[in-house]
Protein backbone atom coordinates (compact mmCIF):
# COMPACT_ATOMS: atom_id res chain seq x y z
CA MET A 1 0.00 0.00 0.00
CA GLY A 2 2.60 2.50 1.06
CA GLY A 3 5.00 1.56 -1.75
CA GLY A 4 2.96 3.07 -4.59
CA MET A 5 2.33 6.24 -2.63
CA ALA A 6 6.02 6.57 -1.69
CA ILE A 7 7.11 6.16 -5.31
CA SER A 8 4.65 8.76 -6.58
CA LEU A 9 5.45 11.32 -3.92
CA SER A 10 9.21 10.73 -3.93
CA GLY A 11 9.26 11.00 -7.72
CA TRP A 12 7.46 14.30 -7.53
CA ILE A 13 9.88 15.62 -4.88
CA GLU A 14 12.87 14.50 -6.96
CA ARG A 15 11.59 16.39 -9.99
CA ARG A 16 11.24 19.49 -7.85
CA VAL A 17 14.56 19.30 -5.99
CA ILE A 18 16.96 18.07 -8.69
CA GLN A 19 16.75 20.76 -11.34
CA PRO A 20 19.40 22.09 -13.74
CA GLU A 21 20.71 25.57 -13.29
CA LYS A 22 18.53 28.11 -14.99
CA THR A 23 19.30 31.41 -16.57
CA SER A 24 17.96 34.51 -14.92
CA GLN A 25 14.19 34.73 -15.30
CA PRO A 26 11.66 37.26 -14.06
CA GLU A 27 10.22 36.33 -10.69
CA PRO A 28 6.94 34.41 -11.23
CA LEU A 29 3.69 35.73 -9.80
CA ILE A 30 3.40 32.47 -7.84
CA SER A 31 6.67 31.10 -6.52
CA ASP A 32 7.78 27.49 -6.89
CA GLN A 33 7.60 27.24 -3.10
CA VAL A 34 3.89 28.08 -3.16
CA LEU A 35 3.23 25.66 -6.03
CA ASN A 36 5.10 22.88 -4.25
CA GLY A 37 3.16 23.63 -1.06
CA LEU A 38 -0.08 23.43 -3.04
CA THR A 39 0.82 20.01 -4.44
CA LEU A 40 1.75 18.66 -1.00
CA ARG A 41 -1.44 20.00 0.59
CA LEU A 42 -3.58 18.43 -2.13
CA ALA A 43 -1.71 15.12 -1.82
CA ALA A 44 -2.36 15.07 1.94
CA CYS A 45 -6.15 15.59 1.67
CA HIS A 46 -7.99 12.90 3.63
CA HIS A 47 -11.44 13.74 2.25
CA LEU A 48 -11.39 15.99 -0.81
CA ALA A 49 -14.82 17.56 -0.37
CA VAL A 50 -13.96 18.47 3.25
CA ASP A 51 -10.29 19.43 2.94
CA LEU A 52 -10.22 21.23 -0.42
CA PRO A 53 -11.88 24.47 0.79
CA THR A 54 -9.04 24.93 3.30
CA VAL A 55 -6.44 24.34 0.57
CA LEU A 56 -8.14 26.84 -1.76
CA THR A 57 -8.31 29.40 1.06
CA TRP A 58 -4.57 29.00 1.69
CA LEU A 59 -3.80 29.39 -2.03
CA GLN A 60 -6.06 32.42 -2.33
CA ARG A 61 -3.95 34.15 0.33
CA GLN A 62 -0.76 33.49 -1.64
CA LEU A 63 -2.01 35.20 -4.79
CA PRO A 64 -1.08 38.80 -5.60
CA ALA A 65 -3.59 41.32 -4.33
CA THR A 66 -4.42 42.41 -7.88
CA TYR A 67 -5.96 38.99 -8.49
CA THR A 68 -8.09 38.86 -5.35
CA ALA A 69 -9.23 42.48 -5.10
CA ILE A 70 -12.16 42.08 -7.48
CA GLU A 71 -15.27 40.79 -5.78
CA GLY A 72 -16.10 37.30 -6.95
CA SER A 73 -12.64 36.59 -8.40
CA CYS A 74 -11.84 33.44 -6.47
CA LEU A 75 -10.41 30.04 -7.31
CA CYS A 76 -12.97 27.26 -7.54
CA LEU A 77 -12.73 23.57 -8.32
CA ALA A 78 -15.34 21.26 -9.82
CA LEU A 79 -15.01 17.52 -9.09
CA ARG A 80 -16.83 14.47 -10.37
CA MET A 81 -15.83 11.31 -8.48
CA SER A 82 -16.14 7.84 -10.01
CA GLN A 83 -19.49 7.33 -11.75
CA ALA A 84 -21.35 10.22 -10.10
CA HIS A 85 -23.65 12.08 -12.48
CA SER A 86 -23.33 15.39 -10.58
CA LEU A 87 -20.43 17.71 -9.91
CA THR A 88 -19.12 18.77 -6.51
CA LEU A 89 -18.29 22.48 -6.56
CA VAL A 90 -15.57 23.50 -4.11
CA THR A 91 -14.85 27.10 -3.11
CA PRO A 92 -12.48 28.65 -0.56
CA SER A 93 -13.68 28.62 3.04
CA GLY A 94 -16.05 31.48 3.75
CA ILE A 95 -17.14 31.83 0.11
CA THR A 96 -20.52 30.31 -0.62
CA LEU A 97 -22.10 29.94 -4.03
CA THR A 98 -25.76 30.73 -4.37
CA VAL A 99 -28.03 28.01 -5.72
CA ASP A 100 -28.29 29.92 -9.02
CA GLN A 101 -24.50 30.24 -9.32
CA ALA A 102 -23.86 26.57 -8.56
CA THR A 103 -26.60 25.44 -10.96
CA ALA A 104 -25.35 27.71 -13.76
CA MET A 105 -21.75 26.58 -13.28
CA GLU A 106 -22.62 22.88 -13.31
CA ALA A 107 -24.93 23.26 -16.32
CA ALA A 108 -22.28 25.13 -18.33
CA LEU A 109 -19.57 22.56 -17.65
CA THR A 110 -21.77 19.50 -18.09
CA THR A 111 -23.38 20.79 -21.30
CA ARG A 112 -20.10 21.73 -22.92
CA TYR A 113 -18.21 18.54 -22.17
CA ARG A 114 -21.11 16.23 -22.97
CA ARG A 115 -21.70 18.01 -26.27
CA THR A 116 -18.09 17.82 -27.47
CA ASP A 117 -17.35 14.39 -25.95
CA ASP A 118 -14.32 15.88 -24.18
CA LEU A 119 -14.94 13.58 -21.21
CA VAL A 120 -14.88 10.48 -23.37
CA ASN A 121 -11.89 11.46 -25.50
CA GLY A 122 -9.88 12.98 -22.66
CA SER A 123 -9.48 16.26 -24.52
CA ARG A 124 -7.74 19.12 -22.75
CA GLU A 125 -8.91 21.80 -25.15
CA ILE A 126 -9.15 25.16 -23.39
CA PRO A 127 -12.72 26.42 -23.53
CA SER A 128 -13.28 30.09 -24.28
CA GLN A 129 -14.20 32.54 -21.56
CA ARG A 130 -17.88 32.54 -20.91
CA GLN A 131 -20.19 34.76 -18.92
CA LEU A 132 -22.26 32.53 -16.69
CA PRO A 133 -25.70 33.59 -15.49
CA CYS A 134 -25.67 35.02 -11.96
CA TRP A 135 -21.86 35.34 -12.08
CA PRO A 136 -20.28 38.84 -11.88
CA HIS A 137 -17.27 38.14 -14.15
CA PRO A 138 -16.39 35.90 -17.10
CA LEU A 139 -15.47 32.46 -15.82
CA TYR A 140 -12.76 30.27 -17.33
CA ALA A 141 -12.65 26.49 -16.92
CA GLN A 142 -10.03 23.95 -17.86
CA GLN A 143 -10.24 20.21 -17.31
CA LEU A 144 -7.52 18.60 -15.19
CA THR A 145 -6.43 15.18 -16.46
CA LEU A 146 -6.58 12.80 -13.48
CA ASP A 147 -7.66 9.16 -13.88
CA LYS A 148 -10.59 7.03 -15.01
CA LYS A 149 -12.39 7.36 -11.67
CA ALA A 150 -12.29 11.13 -11.25
CA GLU A 151 -12.58 14.31 -13.27
CA ALA A 152 -11.86 17.87 -12.24
CA TRP A 153 -12.02 21.38 -13.64
CA LEU A 154 -10.09 24.40 -12.43
CA LEU A 155 -12.39 27.43 -12.47
CA LEU A 156 -10.81 30.89 -12.67
CA PRO A 157 -11.94 34.45 -13.40
CA GLY A 158 -11.69 35.27 -17.10
CA GLY A 159 -8.40 37.17 -17.25
CA TRP A 160 -6.28 34.78 -15.19
CA PRO A 161 -5.39 32.11 -17.80
CA GLN A 162 -3.51 34.66 -19.93
CA ASN A 163 -1.00 35.09 -17.09
CA PRO A 164 2.22 32.98 -17.25
CA PHE A 165 1.53 31.55 -13.76
CA PHE A 166 -1.55 29.66 -14.94
CA GLU A 167 0.12 26.61 -16.52
CA PRO A 168 2.36 25.85 -13.47
CA LEU A 169 -0.71 26.32 -11.27
CA ARG A 170 -2.70 23.86 -13.38
CA ARG A 171 0.14 21.31 -13.21
CA ALA A 172 0.42 21.70 -9.43
CA PHE A 173 -3.30 21.03 -9.01
CA MET A 174 -3.13 18.05 -11.34
CA GLU A 175 -0.10 16.44 -9.67
CA GLY A 176 -1.44 16.95 -6.14
CA LEU A 177 -4.85 15.50 -6.96
CA LYS A 178 -3.31 12.54 -8.79
CA ILE A 179 -1.15 11.65 -5.76
CA CYS A 180 -4.14 12.05 -3.42
CA LEU A 181 -6.37 9.80 -5.53
CA ALA A 182 -3.62 7.19 -5.93
CA HIS A 183 -3.11 7.13 -2.16
CA HIS A 184 -6.84 6.67 -1.54
CA GLN A 185 -6.94 3.88 -4.10
CA HIS A 186 -4.08 2.07 -2.34
CA LEU A 187 -5.92 2.42 0.99
CA GLU A 188 -9.13 1.00 -0.48
CA GLN A 189 -7.25 -1.93 -1.97
CA ALA A 190 -5.56 -2.65 1.36
CA VAL A 191 -8.89 -2.53 3.22
CA GLU A 192 -10.50 -4.87 0.69
CA GLU A 193 -7.62 -7.32 0.97
CA GLU A 194 -7.88 -7.28 4.77
CA ARG A 195 -11.64 -7.86 4.57
CA ARG A 196 -11.15 -10.84 2.26
CA ASP A 197 -8.60 -12.34 4.66
CA TYR A 198 -11.03 -11.77 7.53
CA ALA A 199 -13.83 -13.48 5.58
CA ALA A 200 -11.62 -16.45 4.75
CA GLY A 201 -10.71 -16.83 8.43
CA LEU A 202 -14.36 -16.77 9.47
CA HIS A 203 -15.29 -19.29 6.82
CA ASP A 204 -12.53 -21.75 7.71
CA THR A 205 -13.12 -21.65 11.48
CA ILE A 206 -16.29 -20.32 13.10
CA ALA A 207 -18.63 -20.86 10.13
CA GLN A 208 -17.58 -24.48 9.77
CA GLU A 209 -18.14 -25.19 13.47
CA LEU A 210 -21.48 -23.40 13.50
CA GLY A 211 -22.58 -25.35 10.43
CA TYR A 212 -21.85 -28.59 12.27
CA LEU A 213 -23.67 -27.39 15.41
CA ARG A 214 -26.67 -26.34 13.32
CA LEU A 215 -27.04 -29.88 11.96
CA ARG A 216 -26.53 -31.53 15.35
CA THR A 217 -28.98 -29.26 17.19
CA SER A 218 -31.58 -29.98 14.50
CA ARG A 219 -31.23 -33.69 15.22
CA LEU A 220 -31.34 -32.99 18.96
CA GLU A 221 -34.60 -31.07 18.56
CA LYS A 222 -36.20 -33.96 16.66
CA ALA A 223 -34.96 -36.52 19.21
CA CYS A 224 -36.36 -34.52 22.15
CA ARG A 225 -39.70 -34.20 20.38
CA GLN A 226 -39.95 -38.00 20.23
CA LEU A 227 -38.14 -39.14 23.39
CA ALA A 228 -38.20 -36.24 25.86
CA PRO A 229 -41.03 -33.78 25.12
CA GLU A 230 -40.22 -31.82 28.28
CA LEU A 231 -36.85 -30.89 26.70
CA GLU A 232 -38.24 -30.02 23.27
CA THR A 233 -38.65 -26.31 24.04
CA LEU A 234 -35.08 -26.02 25.30
CA ALA A 235 -33.67 -27.97 22.34
CA SER A 236 -35.71 -25.90 19.89
CA ASP A 237 -34.38 -22.68 21.40
CA ILE A 238 -30.78 -23.92 21.19
CA HIS A 239 -31.28 -24.90 17.55
CA LEU A 240 -32.90 -21.55 16.69
CA GLN A 241 -30.07 -19.54 18.28
CA THR A 242 -27.43 -21.69 16.60
CA GLN A 243 -29.12 -21.24 13.24
CA ARG A 244 -29.39 -17.47 13.78
CA THR A 245 -25.69 -17.21 14.73
CA TYR A 246 -24.75 -19.28 11.69
CA ARG A 247 -26.68 -16.95 9.38
CA GLN A 248 -25.16 -13.88 11.02
CA THR A 249 -21.70 -15.32 10.45
CA ARG A 250 -22.50 -16.12 6.82
CA GLU A 251 -23.78 -12.56 6.43
CA LEU A 252 -20.49 -11.18 7.77
CA ILE A 253 -18.57 -13.37 5.34
CA THR A 254 -20.70 -12.26 2.38
CA THR A 255 -20.33 -8.59 3.32
CA ALA A 256 -16.56 -8.85 3.70
CA ARG A 257 -16.12 -10.68 0.40
CA LEU A 258 -18.44 -8.54 -1.68
CA THR A 259 -16.76 -6.11 -4.08
CA LEU A 260 -18.09 -3.90 -6.87
CA GLU A 261 -16.38 -4.29 -10.22
CA ASP A 262 -15.42 -0.79 -11.44
CA ASP A 263 -17.53 0.54 -8.53
CA SER A 264 -20.63 -0.30 -10.61
CA LEU A 265 -23.87 -1.26 -8.90
CA HIS A 266 -25.29 -2.39 -12.24
CA LEU A 267 -22.47 -4.87 -12.83
CA GLY A 268 -22.86 -6.10 -9.26
CA LEU A 269 -26.56 -6.73 -9.88
CA VAL A 270 -25.83 -8.56 -13.15
CA ARG A 271 -23.34 -10.83 -11.37
CA THR A 272 -25.84 -11.44 -8.55
CA VAL A 273 -28.61 -12.43 -10.98
CA GLU A 274 -26.23 -14.82 -12.76
CA GLU A 275 -25.25 -16.36 -9.41
CA PHE A 276 -28.85 -16.90 -8.24
CA GLU A 277 -29.88 -18.29 -11.64
CA GLN A 278 -27.22 -20.97 -11.28
CA LEU A 279 -28.27 -21.81 -7.70
CA SER A 280 -32.03 -22.02 -8.27
CA GLY A 281 -34.65 -22.81 -10.87
CA LEU A 282 -36.21 -19.34 -10.74
CA VAL A 283 -36.35 -16.87 -13.63
CA PHE A 284 -34.77 -13.49 -12.80
CA GLU A 285 -35.35 -10.21 -14.64
CA LEU A 286 -33.20 -7.09 -14.20
CA ASP A 287 -34.57 -3.71 -15.34
CA ASN A 288 -32.16 -0.88 -14.48
CA ARG A 289 -33.29 2.56 -15.65
CA ALA A 290 -31.13 4.50 -13.20
CA GLN A 291 -27.88 4.83 -15.15
CA PRO A 292 -25.52 6.60 -14.90
CA GLU A 293 -25.19 5.70 -11.26
CA GLY A 294 -24.90 8.28 -8.53
CA LEU A 295 -24.36 6.32 -5.33
CA SER A 296 -21.16 6.22 -3.35
CA ARG A 297 -19.35 2.90 -3.29
CA GLN A 298 -20.33 2.22 0.34
CA THR A 299 -24.01 2.92 -0.33
CA ALA A 300 -24.01 0.86 -3.54
CA ILE A 301 -22.61 -2.14 -1.64
CA GLN A 302 -25.38 -1.89 0.98
CA VAL A 303 -28.01 -1.65 -1.77
CA LEU A 304 -26.55 -4.73 -3.45
CA LEU A 305 -26.60 -6.64 -0.14
CA ILE A 306 -30.26 -5.71 0.43
CA VAL A 307 -31.14 -6.96 -3.06
CA ARG A 308 -29.21 -10.20 -2.42
CA GLU A 309 -31.12 -10.79 0.82
CA ALA A 310 -34.42 -10.15 -0.96
CA LEU A 311 -33.50 -12.63 -3.70
CA SER A 312 -32.41 -15.16 -1.08
CA ASN A 313 -35.78 -14.87 0.66
CA SER A 314 -37.59 -15.35 -2.67
CA VAL A 315 -35.57 -18.48 -3.42
CA ARG A 316 -35.83 -20.05 0.05
CA HIS A 317 -39.26 -19.05 1.35
CA SER A 318 -41.67 -17.63 -1.22
CA HIS A 319 -42.14 -20.64 -3.54
CA ALA A 320 -41.84 -18.20 -6.44
CA SER A 321 -40.99 -18.96 -10.06
CA HIS A 322 -40.17 -15.42 -11.23
CA VAL A 323 -38.34 -12.48 -9.63
CA ARG A 324 -38.03 -8.97 -11.08
CA ILE A 325 -35.42 -6.40 -9.93
CA GLN A 326 -36.09 -2.80 -11.00
CA LEU A 327 -34.20 0.45 -10.44
CA PHE A 328 -35.85 3.81 -11.16
CA PRO A 329 -34.50 7.37 -10.77
CA GLN A 330 -36.69 9.56 -8.55
CA VAL A 331 -36.98 13.27 -7.86
CA LYS A 332 -34.29 15.03 -5.79
CA GLY A 333 -31.64 12.50 -6.79
CA GLU A 334 -33.34 9.56 -5.09
CA LEU A 335 -33.14 5.99 -6.34
CA LEU A 336 -35.98 3.47 -6.09
CA VAL A 337 -34.96 -0.19 -5.93
CA ARG A 338 -37.79 -2.71 -6.22
CA VAL A 339 -37.72 -6.52 -5.97
CA ASP A 340 -40.98 -8.35 -6.81
CA ASP A 341 -41.67 -12.09 -6.85
CA ASN A 342 -44.76 -14.14 -7.72
CA GLY A 343 -44.64 -16.36 -4.65
CA GLN A 344 -47.02 -16.83 -1.75
CA GLY A 345 -46.54 -13.38 -0.25
CA ILE A 346 -45.46 -12.45 3.25
CA ILE A 347 -47.18 -12.60 6.62
CA SER A 348 -47.90 -9.04 7.78
CA GLU A 349 -46.23 -9.40 11.16
CA ASP A 350 -43.04 -10.57 9.45
CA ALA A 351 -42.85 -7.50 7.25
CA GLY A 352 -41.22 -5.49 10.03
CA SER A 353 -38.00 -6.65 11.60
CA GLY A 354 -39.24 -9.87 13.22
CA SER A 355 -37.73 -12.11 10.56
CA PHE A 356 -33.94 -12.34 10.74
CA GLY A 357 -33.44 -11.71 7.00
CA LEU A 358 -35.90 -8.80 6.95
CA GLY A 359 -34.25 -7.37 10.05
CA ILE A 360 -30.91 -7.36 8.25
CA MET A 361 -32.42 -5.49 5.30
CA HIS A 362 -33.97 -2.85 7.58
CA GLU A 363 -30.64 -2.36 9.39
CA ARG A 364 -28.78 -1.93 6.11
CA ALA A 365 -31.35 0.57 4.86
CA GLN A 366 -31.04 2.62 8.06
CA LYS A 367 -27.24 2.55 7.76
CA ILE A 368 -27.38 4.42 4.43
CA GLY A 369 -30.30 6.67 5.33
CA GLY A 370 -32.71 4.73 3.12
CA HIS A 371 -36.35 3.76 3.56
CA LEU A 372 -37.36 0.09 3.20
CA HIS A 373 -40.84 -1.30 2.80
CA VAL A 374 -41.71 -5.01 2.57
CA GLY A 375 -45.20 -6.29 1.88
CA SER A 376 -47.44 -8.56 -0.16
CA LEU A 377 -48.72 -7.71 -3.63
CA SER A 378 -52.47 -7.73 -4.25
CA SER A 379 -51.90 -10.14 -7.13
CA GLY A 380 -49.83 -12.45 -4.92
CA GLY A 381 -46.16 -12.44 -4.18
CA THR A 382 -43.85 -10.16 -2.22
CA ARG A 383 -42.55 -6.66 -2.94
CA VAL A 384 -39.41 -5.16 -1.39
CA GLU A 385 -38.95 -1.43 -2.02
CA LEU A 386 -35.91 0.63 -1.06
CA ILE A 387 -35.58 4.38 -1.56
CA VAL A 388 -32.08 5.76 -1.15
CA THR A 389 -30.62 9.20 -1.84
CA ASP A 390 -27.75 10.00 -4.21
CA ASP A 391 -24.99 10.66 -1.62
CA ARG A 392 -22.00 11.64 -3.75
């Protein structure tokens, strides 16, 4: 984990420290020391949306007064992380965009780059200055080339890009953000590897023992029913608790092992449908109308786990022959996830959190601020509905 980060950062430092002697040049408007400090501060960001305003505030203070004297002439940054369909607009601390300003800025950037396919082709063409609605001065935007999982634009007042300091400033932003994103990627990979090791350990030890106990307590319950009725209640309780603990352990293993290919909920759902089709005789239908996706990776994983639990219940309990999974975009950036089957429906008292599997789904929905409803369809069968908010 640390190796990749060390190489990237050390390489950047080497390029800055080991430089050939230069002929006398006019002093730049932004010194190399400030640019290097900017790169290091960006590289050290723990959470970009939280830490970037502080970095922009620091940089704003380093700029010549002639560039900060005009009201509204501040540095801004627009970010789009992974597969989010919306931009995150970052301004220096203490500077707040109005709703009209933020909407106009996002619309201008999104419209331009979608129209010219700059995002797809990776073009770095410099767009012309443009007067945005509700913005006091012409605004200039240039895309920063980062990686496949993130895009960024540096937003400056109209006259700034003609100054010689602009290109070094753009490179400093780009290098700092690249190092930061690479570091976060290494951390995520290390966490995933640790979770997989944890899941393997659970599977090879506790889960195996609990599986054995589950079978033995089932036989004990049946024996007590026939030979010692006075012990049947006790044996039944032991079997129930063993079975519950076994399922909880299996749930932990599934959660730890689950990954999203390319951070895509859709691909995760496709893989899940293929898996359940192989394990059962049911027909599964996936109807996803919610692309491009706008959920964070953590939320998408919880949504996928809720869908998996719903499919598991349909396979094991509902006596269904057909299951449909649907995803619909809703107002205010919400996502509706619906799982319907044509089975025997659900008992009303079990639709809350009384059932172990349903309880897990409710807990996962609460964890991501979602709303879950489980009930029977009038035509027969069960419907699971989850509403979750775009949280990028």
